[in-house]
């Protein structure tokens, strides 16, 4: 199995879990919806880091709006592997939860603007790619701001319903930004 196959299976497992929970929520709230874009009103976040797409919005028995995040316990298991797309570049893939891809990057990255543009596109912050009647938006649900600690940049992405191509695009972008070592997985 190649990387695209692993990613496709991981996405498929997560979408099946999302669909199951959405069906359950719609039994008690027929108006339950998936992947509505919201913006946090906290000054602790800025730009793309303020945006979230909760898995499901629904009303509880008292009519209050609730958020349900689908964080299944299982993930697609595979033996970690390393690729070296070019000399001096190492990319390590480890098993991960589709809703929590953690990324660690070693490299001299001085400008995260291209990464924010990548996140903006994959979150579809203007709902430009929204297709009426389509259940899933093919978007990431959120991304944390990269932080540097002990020479390693770290951030996390809820891949939501995004197409698998977002991950190779992210890896290529990080290499262009100056990454020498990239690790993708659920580390905790």
N, C-alpha and C. Protein backbone atom coordinates (compact mmCIF):
# COMPACT_ATOMS: atom_id res chain seq x y z
N UNK A 1 0.85 -1.18 0.00
CA UNK A 1 0.00 0.00 0.00
C UNK A 1 0.90 1.24 0.00
N UNK A 2 0.56 2.25 -0.83
CA UNK A 2 1.37 3.47 -0.87
C UNK A 2 0.73 4.55 0.02
N UNK A 3 1.40 5.69 0.11
CA UNK A 3 0.95 6.76 0.99
C UNK A 3 -0.47 7.22 0.65
N UNK A 4 -0.77 7.38 -0.62
CA UNK A 4 -2.10 7.83 -1.02
C UNK A 4 -3.16 6.83 -0.57
N UNK A 5 -2.85 5.53 -0.65
CA UNK A 5 -3.79 4.51 -0.18
C UNK A 5 -4.03 4.64 1.32
N UNK A 6 -2.94 4.82 2.10
CA UNK A 6 -3.09 4.99 3.55
C UNK A 6 -3.96 6.20 3.86
N UNK A 7 -3.65 7.31 3.21
CA UNK A 7 -4.39 8.53 3.47
C UNK A 7 -5.86 8.36 3.09
N UNK A 8 -6.11 7.73 1.97
CA UNK A 8 -7.49 7.50 1.53
C UNK A 8 -8.27 6.65 2.51
N UNK A 9 -7.63 5.60 3.03
CA UNK A 9 -8.31 4.73 4.00
C UNK A 9 -8.56 5.48 5.31
N UNK A 10 -7.59 6.29 5.76
CA UNK A 10 -7.76 7.06 7.00
C UNK A 10 -8.93 8.04 6.84
N UNK A 11 -8.98 8.72 5.69
CA UNK A 11 -10.07 9.67 5.44
C UNK A 11 -11.41 8.93 5.39
N UNK A 12 -11.44 7.81 4.71
CA UNK A 12 -12.66 7.02 4.58
C UNK A 12 -13.19 6.59 5.95
N UNK A 13 -12.30 6.14 6.83
CA UNK A 13 -12.71 5.73 8.18
C UNK A 13 -13.32 6.91 8.94
N UNK A 14 -12.68 8.08 8.82
CA UNK A 14 -13.18 9.24 9.55
C UNK A 14 -14.53 9.71 9.00
N UNK A 15 -14.67 9.73 7.68
CA UNK A 15 -15.95 10.16 7.11
C UNK A 15 -17.08 9.20 7.47
N UNK A 16 -16.78 7.91 7.56
CA UNK A 16 -17.79 6.94 7.98
C UNK A 16 -18.23 7.23 9.41
N UNK A 17 -17.27 7.55 10.28
CA UNK A 17 -17.61 7.89 11.67
C UNK A 17 -18.45 9.17 11.71
N UNK A 18 -18.05 10.19 10.94
CA UNK A 18 -18.81 11.44 10.89
C UNK A 18 -20.25 11.18 10.44
N UNK A 19 -20.40 10.39 9.38
CA UNK A 19 -21.72 10.11 8.83
C UNK A 19 -22.60 9.40 9.86
N UNK A 20 -22.01 8.47 10.60
CA UNK A 20 -22.76 7.74 11.61
C UNK A 20 -23.26 8.65 12.71
N UNK A 21 -22.40 9.53 13.21
CA UNK A 21 -22.81 10.44 14.28
C UNK A 21 -23.82 11.46 13.76
N UNK A 22 -23.63 11.94 12.54
CA UNK A 22 -24.59 12.89 11.97
C UNK A 22 -25.97 12.24 11.84
N UNK A 23 -26.03 10.99 11.41
CA UNK A 23 -27.31 10.27 11.34
C UNK A 23 -27.97 10.20 12.72
N UNK A 24 -27.17 9.89 13.75
CA UNK A 24 -27.71 9.82 15.12
C UNK A 24 -28.27 11.17 15.55
N UNK A 25 -27.52 12.24 15.31
CA UNK A 25 -27.98 13.58 15.73
C UNK A 25 -29.26 13.97 14.99
N UNK A 26 -29.37 13.58 13.74
CA UNK A 26 -30.56 13.95 12.96
C UNK A 26 -31.80 13.18 13.41
N UNK A 27 -31.63 12.11 14.17
CA UNK A 27 -32.80 11.41 14.71
C UNK A 27 -33.51 12.26 15.75
N UNK A 28 -32.75 13.06 16.49
CA UNK A 28 -33.37 13.93 17.50
C UNK A 28 -33.47 15.38 17.04
N UNK A 29 -32.65 15.76 16.06
CA UNK A 29 -32.70 17.11 15.50
C UNK A 29 -32.53 17.01 13.99
N UNK A 30 -33.62 16.96 13.25
CA UNK A 30 -33.55 16.82 11.79
C UNK A 30 -32.78 17.95 11.10
N UNK A 31 -32.57 19.06 11.80
CA UNK A 31 -31.85 20.19 11.21
C UNK A 31 -30.36 20.18 11.56
N UNK A 32 -29.87 19.11 12.16
CA UNK A 32 -28.44 19.01 12.46
C UNK A 32 -27.65 19.15 11.17
N UNK A 33 -26.55 19.89 11.25
CA UNK A 33 -25.73 20.15 10.06
C UNK A 33 -24.27 19.85 10.36
N UNK A 34 -23.54 19.64 9.27
CA UNK A 34 -22.11 19.37 9.42
C UNK A 34 -21.28 20.50 8.84
N UNK A 35 -20.12 20.73 9.43
CA UNK A 35 -19.05 21.58 8.90
C UNK A 35 -19.45 23.03 8.62
N UNK A 36 -20.13 23.65 9.55
CA UNK A 36 -20.47 25.07 9.44
C UNK A 36 -19.26 25.88 9.89
N UNK A 37 -18.86 26.85 9.11
CA UNK A 37 -17.70 27.67 9.45
C UNK A 37 -18.06 28.68 10.52
N UNK A 38 -17.26 28.73 11.59
CA UNK A 38 -17.45 29.72 12.64
C UNK A 38 -16.13 30.44 12.90
N UNK A 39 -16.23 31.62 13.48
CA UNK A 39 -15.04 32.39 13.82
C UNK A 39 -15.03 32.64 15.31
N UNK A 40 -13.93 32.31 15.96
CA UNK A 40 -13.81 32.53 17.39
C UNK A 40 -13.71 34.03 17.66
N UNK A 41 -14.33 34.49 18.73
CA UNK A 41 -14.27 35.92 19.05
C UNK A 41 -13.24 36.21 20.13
N UNK A 42 -12.20 35.40 20.18
CA UNK A 42 -11.14 35.58 21.17
C UNK A 42 -9.95 36.29 20.53
N UNK A 43 -9.42 37.25 21.23
CA UNK A 43 -8.23 37.96 20.72
C UNK A 43 -6.97 37.10 20.86
N UNK A 44 -7.10 35.94 21.47
CA UNK A 44 -5.94 35.05 21.60
C UNK A 44 -5.56 34.43 20.26
N UNK A 45 -6.48 34.50 19.28
CA UNK A 45 -6.24 33.93 17.96
C UNK A 45 -6.38 35.03 16.91
N UNK A 46 -5.68 34.86 15.80
CA UNK A 46 -5.81 35.83 14.71
C UNK A 46 -5.84 35.09 13.37
N UNK A 47 -6.34 35.78 12.38
CA UNK A 47 -6.33 35.25 11.02
C UNK A 47 -6.99 33.89 10.91
N UNK A 48 -6.37 33.02 10.15
CA UNK A 48 -6.92 31.69 9.88
C UNK A 48 -7.06 30.86 11.15
N UNK A 49 -6.30 31.20 12.18
CA UNK A 49 -6.33 30.44 13.43
C UNK A 49 -7.59 30.72 14.26
N UNK A 50 -8.39 31.70 13.84
CA UNK A 50 -9.66 32.00 14.51
C UNK A 50 -10.80 31.16 13.95
N UNK A 51 -10.60 30.54 12.80
CA UNK A 51 -11.67 29.83 12.11
C UNK A 51 -11.73 28.36 12.51
N UNK A 52 -12.94 27.84 12.62
CA UNK A 52 -13.18 26.43 12.95
C UNK A 52 -14.38 25.95 12.15
N UNK A 53 -14.35 24.68 11.81
CA UNK A 53 -15.51 24.01 11.23
C UNK A 53 -15.85 22.83 12.15
N UNK A 54 -16.73 23.05 13.12
CA UNK A 54 -17.12 21.93 13.99
C UNK A 54 -17.70 20.80 13.13
N UNK A 55 -17.49 19.58 13.59
CA UNK A 55 -18.01 18.43 12.83
C UNK A 55 -19.52 18.54 12.65
N UNK A 56 -20.25 18.75 13.77
CA UNK A 56 -21.72 18.75 13.70
C UNK A 56 -22.27 19.81 14.66
N UNK A 57 -23.23 20.59 14.17
CA UNK A 57 -24.01 21.50 15.01
C UNK A 57 -25.42 20.93 15.09
N UNK A 58 -25.98 20.90 16.29
CA UNK A 58 -27.33 20.37 16.48
C UNK A 58 -27.94 20.98 17.72
N UNK A 59 -29.22 20.79 17.87
CA UNK A 59 -29.92 21.27 19.07
C UNK A 59 -30.13 20.10 20.02
N UNK A 60 -29.96 20.38 21.31
CA UNK A 60 -30.21 19.33 22.30
C UNK A 60 -31.70 19.29 22.64
N UNK A 61 -32.07 18.49 23.62
CA UNK A 61 -33.48 18.32 24.00
C UNK A 61 -34.13 19.61 24.50
N UNK A 62 -33.30 20.60 24.89
CA UNK A 62 -33.81 21.87 25.41
C UNK A 62 -33.74 22.97 24.36
N UNK A 63 -33.39 22.61 23.13
CA UNK A 63 -33.33 23.59 22.05
C UNK A 63 -32.03 24.38 21.97
N UNK A 64 -31.08 24.04 22.83
CA UNK A 64 -29.79 24.74 22.84
C UNK A 64 -28.88 24.17 21.75
N UNK A 65 -28.17 25.05 21.06
CA UNK A 65 -27.25 24.59 20.02
C UNK A 65 -26.02 23.97 20.68
N UNK A 66 -25.65 22.83 20.19
CA UNK A 66 -24.51 22.08 20.70
C UNK A 66 -23.57 21.71 19.54
N UNK A 67 -22.34 21.51 19.89
CA UNK A 67 -21.32 21.05 18.93
C UNK A 67 -20.95 19.62 19.29
N UNK A 68 -20.88 18.77 18.30
CA UNK A 68 -20.37 17.42 18.49
C UNK A 68 -19.15 17.26 17.61
N UNK A 69 -18.04 16.91 18.24
CA UNK A 69 -16.81 16.59 17.51
C UNK A 69 -16.68 15.07 17.50
N UNK A 70 -16.36 14.53 16.36
CA UNK A 70 -16.23 13.09 16.19
C UNK A 70 -14.76 12.72 16.27
N UNK A 71 -14.38 12.18 17.40
CA UNK A 71 -12.98 11.81 17.65
C UNK A 71 -12.93 10.33 17.98
N UNK A 72 -12.96 9.52 16.94
CA UNK A 72 -12.98 8.08 17.14
C UNK A 72 -11.66 7.60 17.74
N UNK A 73 -11.75 6.51 18.51
CA UNK A 73 -10.57 5.97 19.19
C UNK A 73 -9.61 5.26 18.26
N UNK A 74 -10.13 4.71 17.18
CA UNK A 74 -9.25 3.92 16.32
C UNK A 74 -8.71 4.76 15.16
N UNK A 75 -7.61 4.30 14.63
CA UNK A 75 -7.01 4.94 13.47
C UNK A 75 -6.39 3.86 12.61
N UNK A 76 -6.10 4.21 11.38
CA UNK A 76 -5.49 3.27 10.47
C UNK A 76 -4.06 3.02 10.92
N UNK A 77 -3.76 1.80 11.25
CA UNK A 77 -2.43 1.46 11.75
C UNK A 77 -1.52 1.05 10.60
N UNK A 78 -0.32 1.53 10.64
CA UNK A 78 0.69 1.12 9.67
C UNK A 78 2.06 1.31 10.31
N UNK A 79 3.06 0.64 9.79
CA UNK A 79 4.41 0.81 10.29
C UNK A 79 4.93 2.18 9.86
N UNK A 80 5.47 2.95 10.80
CA UNK A 80 6.04 4.25 10.42
C UNK A 80 7.06 4.06 9.30
N UNK A 81 7.13 5.05 8.43
CA UNK A 81 8.11 4.98 7.36
C UNK A 81 8.63 6.38 7.05
N UNK A 82 9.79 6.40 6.43
CA UNK A 82 10.47 7.66 6.10
C UNK A 82 10.68 7.74 4.60
N UNK A 83 10.43 8.93 4.06
CA UNK A 83 10.75 9.18 2.66
C UNK A 83 11.80 10.29 2.61
N UNK A 84 12.57 10.31 1.55
CA UNK A 84 13.58 11.34 1.33
C UNK A 84 13.41 11.85 -0.09
N UNK A 85 12.51 12.82 -0.29
CA UNK A 85 12.21 13.27 -1.65
C UNK A 85 13.37 13.94 -2.37
N UNK A 86 14.34 14.44 -1.59
CA UNK A 86 15.54 15.05 -2.16
C UNK A 86 16.63 15.02 -1.10
N UNK A 87 17.87 15.14 -1.50
CA UNK A 87 18.97 15.10 -0.52
C UNK A 87 18.79 16.15 0.58
N UNK A 88 18.98 15.72 1.82
CA UNK A 88 18.89 16.62 2.96
C UNK A 88 17.47 16.82 3.49
N UNK A 89 16.50 16.16 2.90
CA UNK A 89 15.10 16.29 3.33
C UNK A 89 14.59 14.93 3.78
N UNK A 90 13.99 14.88 4.97
CA UNK A 90 13.46 13.64 5.53
C UNK A 90 12.03 13.87 5.98
N UNK A 91 11.14 12.96 5.57
CA UNK A 91 9.74 13.05 5.97
C UNK A 91 9.34 11.73 6.61
N UNK A 92 8.91 11.79 7.86
CA UNK A 92 8.51 10.59 8.60
C UNK A 92 7.01 10.59 8.80
N UNK A 93 6.38 9.49 8.41
CA UNK A 93 4.94 9.32 8.57
C UNK A 93 4.70 8.26 9.65
N UNK A 94 3.85 8.59 10.62
CA UNK A 94 3.47 7.65 11.65
C UNK A 94 1.94 7.59 11.69
N UNK A 95 1.35 6.54 12.27
CA UNK A 95 -0.11 6.47 12.33
C UNK A 95 -0.70 7.72 12.99
N UNK A 96 -1.90 8.08 12.54
CA UNK A 96 -2.52 9.29 13.08
C UNK A 96 -4.04 9.21 12.99
N UNK A 97 -4.66 10.03 13.82
CA UNK A 97 -6.10 10.23 13.76
C UNK A 97 -6.36 11.32 12.72
N UNK A 98 -7.31 11.09 11.82
CA UNK A 98 -7.61 12.07 10.77
C UNK A 98 -8.00 13.41 11.38
N UNK A 99 -8.64 13.39 12.56
CA UNK A 99 -9.08 14.62 13.20
C UNK A 99 -7.95 15.30 13.97
N UNK A 100 -6.75 14.70 13.99
CA UNK A 100 -5.66 15.29 14.75
C UNK A 100 -4.30 14.91 14.17
N UNK A 101 -3.99 15.51 13.04
CA UNK A 101 -2.67 15.31 12.44
C UNK A 101 -1.72 16.30 13.07
N UNK A 102 -0.73 15.78 13.79
CA UNK A 102 0.26 16.63 14.41
C UNK A 102 1.48 16.67 13.50
N UNK A 103 2.05 17.86 13.37
CA UNK A 103 3.18 18.05 12.47
C UNK A 103 4.32 18.68 13.25
N UNK A 104 5.50 18.09 13.06
CA UNK A 104 6.73 18.64 13.65
C UNK A 104 7.69 18.93 12.50
N UNK A 105 8.28 20.11 12.55
CA UNK A 105 9.14 20.55 11.45
C UNK A 105 10.44 21.11 12.01
N UNK A 106 11.55 20.64 11.46
CA UNK A 106 12.86 21.21 11.77
C UNK A 106 13.32 21.91 10.51
N UNK A 107 13.67 23.17 10.65
CA UNK A 107 14.14 23.95 9.51
C UNK A 107 14.05 25.43 9.81
N UNK A 108 14.73 26.20 9.02
CA UNK A 108 14.76 27.66 9.19
C UNK A 108 13.58 28.26 8.44
N UNK A 109 12.44 28.33 9.09
CA UNK A 109 11.25 28.92 8.49
C UNK A 109 11.03 30.28 9.12
N UNK A 110 11.06 31.31 8.29
CA UNK A 110 10.93 32.67 8.80
C UNK A 110 9.60 33.33 8.46
N UNK A 111 8.85 32.75 7.52
CA UNK A 111 7.59 33.34 7.10
C UNK A 111 6.55 32.24 6.92
N UNK A 112 5.52 32.27 7.75
CA UNK A 112 4.47 31.26 7.68
C UNK A 112 3.29 31.70 6.82
N UNK A 113 3.40 32.83 6.14
CA UNK A 113 2.31 33.32 5.31
C UNK A 113 1.87 32.30 4.25
N UNK A 114 2.80 31.65 3.53
CA UNK A 114 2.34 30.64 2.56
C UNK A 114 1.58 29.48 3.22
N UNK A 115 1.97 29.10 4.42
CA UNK A 115 1.25 28.06 5.15
C UNK A 115 -0.17 28.54 5.48
N UNK A 116 -0.29 29.80 5.90
CA UNK A 116 -1.61 30.34 6.22
C UNK A 116 -2.49 30.40 4.97
N UNK A 117 -1.89 30.68 3.83
CA UNK A 117 -2.65 30.66 2.56
C UNK A 117 -3.10 29.24 2.24
N UNK A 118 -2.23 28.25 2.49
CA UNK A 118 -2.60 26.85 2.29
C UNK A 118 -3.80 26.52 3.18
N UNK A 119 -3.71 26.89 4.47
CA UNK A 119 -4.80 26.62 5.42
C UNK A 119 -6.08 27.34 5.01
N UNK A 120 -5.94 28.57 4.55
CA UNK A 120 -7.11 29.35 4.11
C UNK A 120 -7.80 28.65 2.96
N UNK A 121 -7.03 28.16 1.99
CA UNK A 121 -7.62 27.44 0.86
C UNK A 121 -8.31 26.17 1.33
N UNK A 122 -7.60 25.35 2.13
CA UNK A 122 -8.14 24.06 2.52
C UNK A 122 -9.28 24.18 3.53
N UNK A 123 -9.37 25.30 4.23
CA UNK A 123 -10.51 25.51 5.11
C UNK A 123 -11.68 26.10 4.31
N UNK A 124 -11.40 26.60 3.12
CA UNK A 124 -12.40 27.24 2.26
C UNK A 124 -13.11 28.33 3.06
N UNK A 125 -12.31 29.28 3.52
CA UNK A 125 -12.79 30.31 4.43
C UNK A 125 -13.92 31.17 3.87
N UNK A 126 -14.11 31.19 2.56
CA UNK A 126 -15.22 31.94 1.97
C UNK A 126 -16.35 31.01 1.51
N UNK A 127 -16.24 29.73 1.80
CA UNK A 127 -17.22 28.74 1.32
C UNK A 127 -17.36 28.80 -0.20
N UNK A 128 -16.28 29.12 -0.88
CA UNK A 128 -16.30 29.25 -2.35
C UNK A 128 -16.49 27.91 -3.05
N UNK A 129 -16.04 26.83 -2.42
CA UNK A 129 -16.15 25.51 -3.04
C UNK A 129 -17.36 24.73 -2.54
N UNK A 130 -18.20 25.37 -1.74
CA UNK A 130 -19.39 24.72 -1.19
C UNK A 130 -20.32 24.31 -2.32
N UNK A 131 -20.76 23.06 -2.30
CA UNK A 131 -21.68 22.54 -3.31
C UNK A 131 -23.00 22.23 -2.62
N UNK A 132 -24.05 22.88 -3.08
CA UNK A 132 -25.39 22.69 -2.51
C UNK A 132 -25.77 21.21 -2.55
N UNK A 133 -26.22 20.68 -1.42
CA UNK A 133 -26.66 19.29 -1.36
C UNK A 133 -25.55 18.28 -1.10
N UNK A 134 -24.32 18.71 -1.16
CA UNK A 134 -23.20 17.80 -0.88
C UNK A 134 -23.00 17.74 0.63
N UNK A 135 -22.93 16.54 1.18
CA UNK A 135 -22.84 16.40 2.64
C UNK A 135 -21.54 16.95 3.21
N UNK A 136 -20.42 16.69 2.56
CA UNK A 136 -19.12 17.09 3.10
C UNK A 136 -18.53 18.23 2.29
N UNK A 137 -17.82 19.11 2.97
CA UNK A 137 -17.27 20.31 2.33
C UNK A 137 -15.87 20.11 1.75
N UNK A 138 -15.26 18.94 2.00
CA UNK A 138 -13.89 18.67 1.53
C UNK A 138 -12.90 19.72 2.03
N UNK A 139 -13.01 20.01 3.33
CA UNK A 139 -12.18 21.05 3.95
C UNK A 139 -11.53 20.53 5.22
N UNK A 140 -10.45 21.21 5.61
CA UNK A 140 -9.91 20.98 6.95
C UNK A 140 -10.83 21.72 7.93
N UNK A 141 -10.79 21.31 9.20
CA UNK A 141 -11.69 21.93 10.18
C UNK A 141 -11.00 22.97 11.04
N UNK A 142 -9.73 22.85 11.25
CA UNK A 142 -8.98 23.90 11.92
C UNK A 142 -7.49 23.58 11.86
N UNK A 143 -6.72 24.58 12.18
CA UNK A 143 -5.27 24.44 12.23
C UNK A 143 -4.76 25.32 13.38
N UNK A 144 -3.78 24.81 14.10
CA UNK A 144 -3.20 25.61 15.17
C UNK A 144 -2.02 26.39 14.63
N UNK A 145 -1.73 27.49 15.27
CA UNK A 145 -0.61 28.32 14.83
C UNK A 145 0.71 27.62 15.13
N UNK A 146 1.62 27.58 14.15
CA UNK A 146 2.92 26.94 14.40
C UNK A 146 3.65 27.64 15.55
N UNK A 147 4.23 26.83 16.43
CA UNK A 147 5.01 27.38 17.53
C UNK A 147 6.37 26.71 17.56
N UNK A 148 7.38 27.47 17.93
CA UNK A 148 8.76 26.99 17.93
C UNK A 148 9.19 26.69 19.35
N UNK A 149 9.70 25.50 19.57
CA UNK A 149 10.23 25.10 20.87
C UNK A 149 11.39 24.15 20.69
N UNK A 150 12.52 24.49 21.24
CA UNK A 150 13.73 23.66 21.17
C UNK A 150 14.09 23.30 19.73
N UNK A 151 13.95 24.28 18.83
CA UNK A 151 14.35 24.09 17.44
C UNK A 151 13.36 23.33 16.57
N UNK A 152 12.17 23.03 17.12
CA UNK A 152 11.16 22.28 16.38
C UNK A 152 9.86 23.09 16.31
N UNK A 153 9.38 23.29 15.09
CA UNK A 153 8.07 23.91 14.89
C UNK A 153 7.01 22.83 15.04
N UNK A 154 5.92 23.15 15.74
CA UNK A 154 4.83 22.18 15.88
C UNK A 154 3.49 22.87 15.62
N UNK A 155 2.58 22.12 15.03
CA UNK A 155 1.21 22.57 14.86
C UNK A 155 0.35 21.34 14.61
N UNK A 156 -0.96 21.51 14.66
CA UNK A 156 -1.89 20.40 14.45
C UNK A 156 -3.00 20.82 13.50
N UNK A 157 -3.54 19.83 12.81
CA UNK A 157 -4.61 20.07 11.85
C UNK A 157 -5.70 19.03 12.06
N UNK A 158 -6.94 19.49 12.13
CA UNK A 158 -8.08 18.59 12.05
C UNK A 158 -8.39 18.53 10.56
N UNK A 159 -8.13 17.40 9.94
CA UNK A 159 -8.27 17.27 8.49
C UNK A 159 -9.72 17.21 8.03
N UNK A 160 -10.66 17.12 8.97
CA UNK A 160 -12.08 17.20 8.64
C UNK A 160 -12.48 16.27 7.51
N UNK A 161 -12.94 16.84 6.42
CA UNK A 161 -13.34 16.06 5.25
C UNK A 161 -12.45 16.38 4.05
N UNK A 162 -11.30 16.99 4.31
CA UNK A 162 -10.41 17.41 3.23
C UNK A 162 -9.97 16.24 2.37
N UNK A 163 -9.75 16.53 1.10
CA UNK A 163 -9.21 15.53 0.19
C UNK A 163 -7.79 15.17 0.63
N UNK A 164 -7.38 13.94 0.34
CA UNK A 164 -6.06 13.48 0.75
C UNK A 164 -4.95 14.31 0.13
N UNK A 165 -5.19 14.95 -1.00
CA UNK A 165 -4.15 15.72 -1.67
C UNK A 165 -3.65 16.89 -0.82
N UNK A 166 -4.41 17.28 0.21
CA UNK A 166 -3.96 18.39 1.05
C UNK A 166 -2.66 18.05 1.78
N UNK A 167 -2.44 16.78 2.10
CA UNK A 167 -1.24 16.40 2.86
C UNK A 167 0.02 16.48 2.01
N UNK A 168 0.08 15.87 0.82
CA UNK A 168 1.27 16.06 -0.01
C UNK A 168 1.52 17.53 -0.35
N UNK A 169 0.45 18.29 -0.56
CA UNK A 169 0.62 19.72 -0.82
C UNK A 169 1.26 20.41 0.38
N UNK A 170 0.82 20.05 1.59
CA UNK A 170 1.40 20.62 2.80
C UNK A 170 2.87 20.26 2.91
N UNK A 171 3.21 19.01 2.70
CA UNK A 171 4.61 18.57 2.79
C UNK A 171 5.48 19.34 1.79
N UNK A 172 5.02 19.44 0.56
CA UNK A 172 5.78 20.17 -0.46
C UNK A 172 5.96 21.64 -0.07
N UNK A 173 4.91 22.24 0.47
CA UNK A 173 4.99 23.62 0.90
C UNK A 173 6.02 23.79 2.02
N UNK A 174 5.98 22.88 3.01
CA UNK A 174 6.93 22.98 4.13
C UNK A 174 8.37 22.85 3.64
N UNK A 175 8.61 21.98 2.68
CA UNK A 175 9.95 21.85 2.11
C UNK A 175 10.35 23.16 1.43
N UNK A 176 9.43 23.75 0.67
CA UNK A 176 9.71 25.03 0.01
C UNK A 176 10.01 26.13 1.03
N UNK A 177 9.37 26.07 2.20
CA UNK A 177 9.58 27.09 3.23
C UNK A 177 10.90 26.91 3.98
N UNK A 178 11.55 25.75 3.80
CA UNK A 178 12.83 25.54 4.46
C UNK A 178 12.91 24.36 5.41
N UNK A 179 11.88 23.51 5.44
CA UNK A 179 11.90 22.34 6.32
C UNK A 179 12.96 21.36 5.83
N UNK A 180 13.70 20.81 6.77
CA UNK A 180 14.67 19.76 6.47
C UNK A 180 14.15 18.40 6.95
N UNK A 181 13.43 18.43 8.08
CA UNK A 181 12.85 17.22 8.64
C UNK A 181 11.38 17.52 8.96
N UNK A 182 10.51 16.63 8.53
CA UNK A 182 9.08 16.76 8.80
C UNK A 182 8.60 15.44 9.37
N UNK A 183 7.82 15.51 10.44
CA UNK A 183 7.19 14.32 11.01
C UNK A 183 5.70 14.57 11.09
N UNK A 184 4.93 13.63 10.54
CA UNK A 184 3.47 13.72 10.54
C UNK A 184 2.90 12.51 11.24
N UNK A 185 1.99 12.71 12.19
CA UNK A 185 1.37 11.60 12.90
C UNK A 185 0.58 12.14 14.09
N UNK A 186 0.05 11.23 14.88
CA UNK A 186 -0.57 11.63 16.15
C UNK A 186 0.43 11.21 17.22
N UNK A 187 1.11 12.20 17.79
CA UNK A 187 2.26 11.95 18.63
C UNK A 187 1.88 11.55 20.06
N UNK A 188 0.73 11.99 20.53
CA UNK A 188 0.40 11.79 21.93
C UNK A 188 -0.39 10.62 22.26
